[in-house]
Amino acid sequence: MLNFFSKKDSRSVGIDIGSSSIKIVELEKRGNSVELVTYGLLETSPYGGKEIGRVANLSTEKTVEALADVLREAKVVTKKAGVAIPFRSSFMRMVEFPQVTEEELNRMVPLEARKYIPVPMEEVALDWSLVPQVARMARSAGSESEVKVNVLLVAIHNEVLSRFESIAKGASLERPFYEVESYSAMRSIIPQSNEAVIMCDFGAGATKIYVAYQGFVVYSHIINTGSQDITLSLSKAMRIKIDEAEIEKRETGLSKGSADKVYSICDLVLSRISNELIHVRQLFEQKYESKVTKVVLIGGGSQLKGIEGYLREKLKLEIEKGAPFSQVRIPEFMNQTVGEIGPEFAVAVGCALRGVFENK
């Protein structure tokens, strides 16, 4: 029996378990609008015996403990949750197929996927989606033109899904759903956009680069460089403690002047990321013959002071911080705070948005 008036069914919590923190957002659908109920952020480094800002590879039990703590502290009511699967724990690949019927694709995709997925198919959960409007004409030497269509393959290792299911169960969540974090982020920061936009998720241990185009993530790339590298470099170069280096990074960042040494250290790390952004942009524009319009920054590292101007100068492109709460009604007393922390919550908000609109 359906219960149209159940507040529990109208709410959903989005959960983003990152390498150094857990972010949660609870949303509620009221009529035609979605409202923020509560949110929370918990640094997980202390649960792994490390300093704030450091990557903490927690066990399943410690992750459950940390997640339960942040859900309790944020006073989350609903048990309906969406959990983001880290990009590093998934496999995504855009593959070309001839333009055939959906029935034929259903037969062809699992067979073709074996060529691209580096583990036995029985060890992964596989899904795929036809990418509309990104068809192109391909001509081989001496052959007629053939229309090609793109299919997005997504595979997640069964062990990864099992771990996240154990975490959700341990935190007493009900009816959880799972999706790759790049799609959660895209839902919250660039909904219904036909433009080509690069999303740069600047995390503690790694930076993820996605190109979103016509409602799909058509290109994904990960760099094993993150905001933690700036902290560690500052600590070593300035001979200060790691927690002091973290404060220096957050308060000074890319501000020039008396802190030129801090700027140069930040630049050393960020130049790797900016070079990869340039490379990804070139690859996309050559393949899809469409221009990238802007770069949207998300993740904790996007809060680095001066990063927008720095990347704007390097890429000669529009740079902006993600605003995932733009689709959500915010209580007036939360407006300023939510605006400042927004980029860190892109994935959690996206998960929660899917949950409230699916209303299962």
Foldseek 3Di string as FASTA:
>chain_A
DDDPPDQLLQKEKFWEDDQFKIKIWIWGDDPPAIATDWIFMDGLQVLQPHDHLAGHPDDLVSLLVRVLVRCVVRVPDHLEYEYADEPVQKDKAKDKDFDDDPVVCVVVVVVVVVVPDPDDPVQKDKDKDWDPPQWDWDDDPPDDITIITIMMIMIGGPVSVVSVVSSSVSSVHPPYHYDHLVLLLCCQFPPQDQAWEWEWAAESQKIKIFTDHRSDGNDIDIGRAHPVQLLVQQCVVVVHDSNVSVVCQLPCNCPDDPVPVSNVSNCVRCVVVLVVVLVVQVVVCVVRVHHHQEYEYAYPRVSGPPPQVVSCVSNVHHYYYGQRCPRHDYPPVCVVVCRNRVRNCSSRSSRRVVSSVVSD
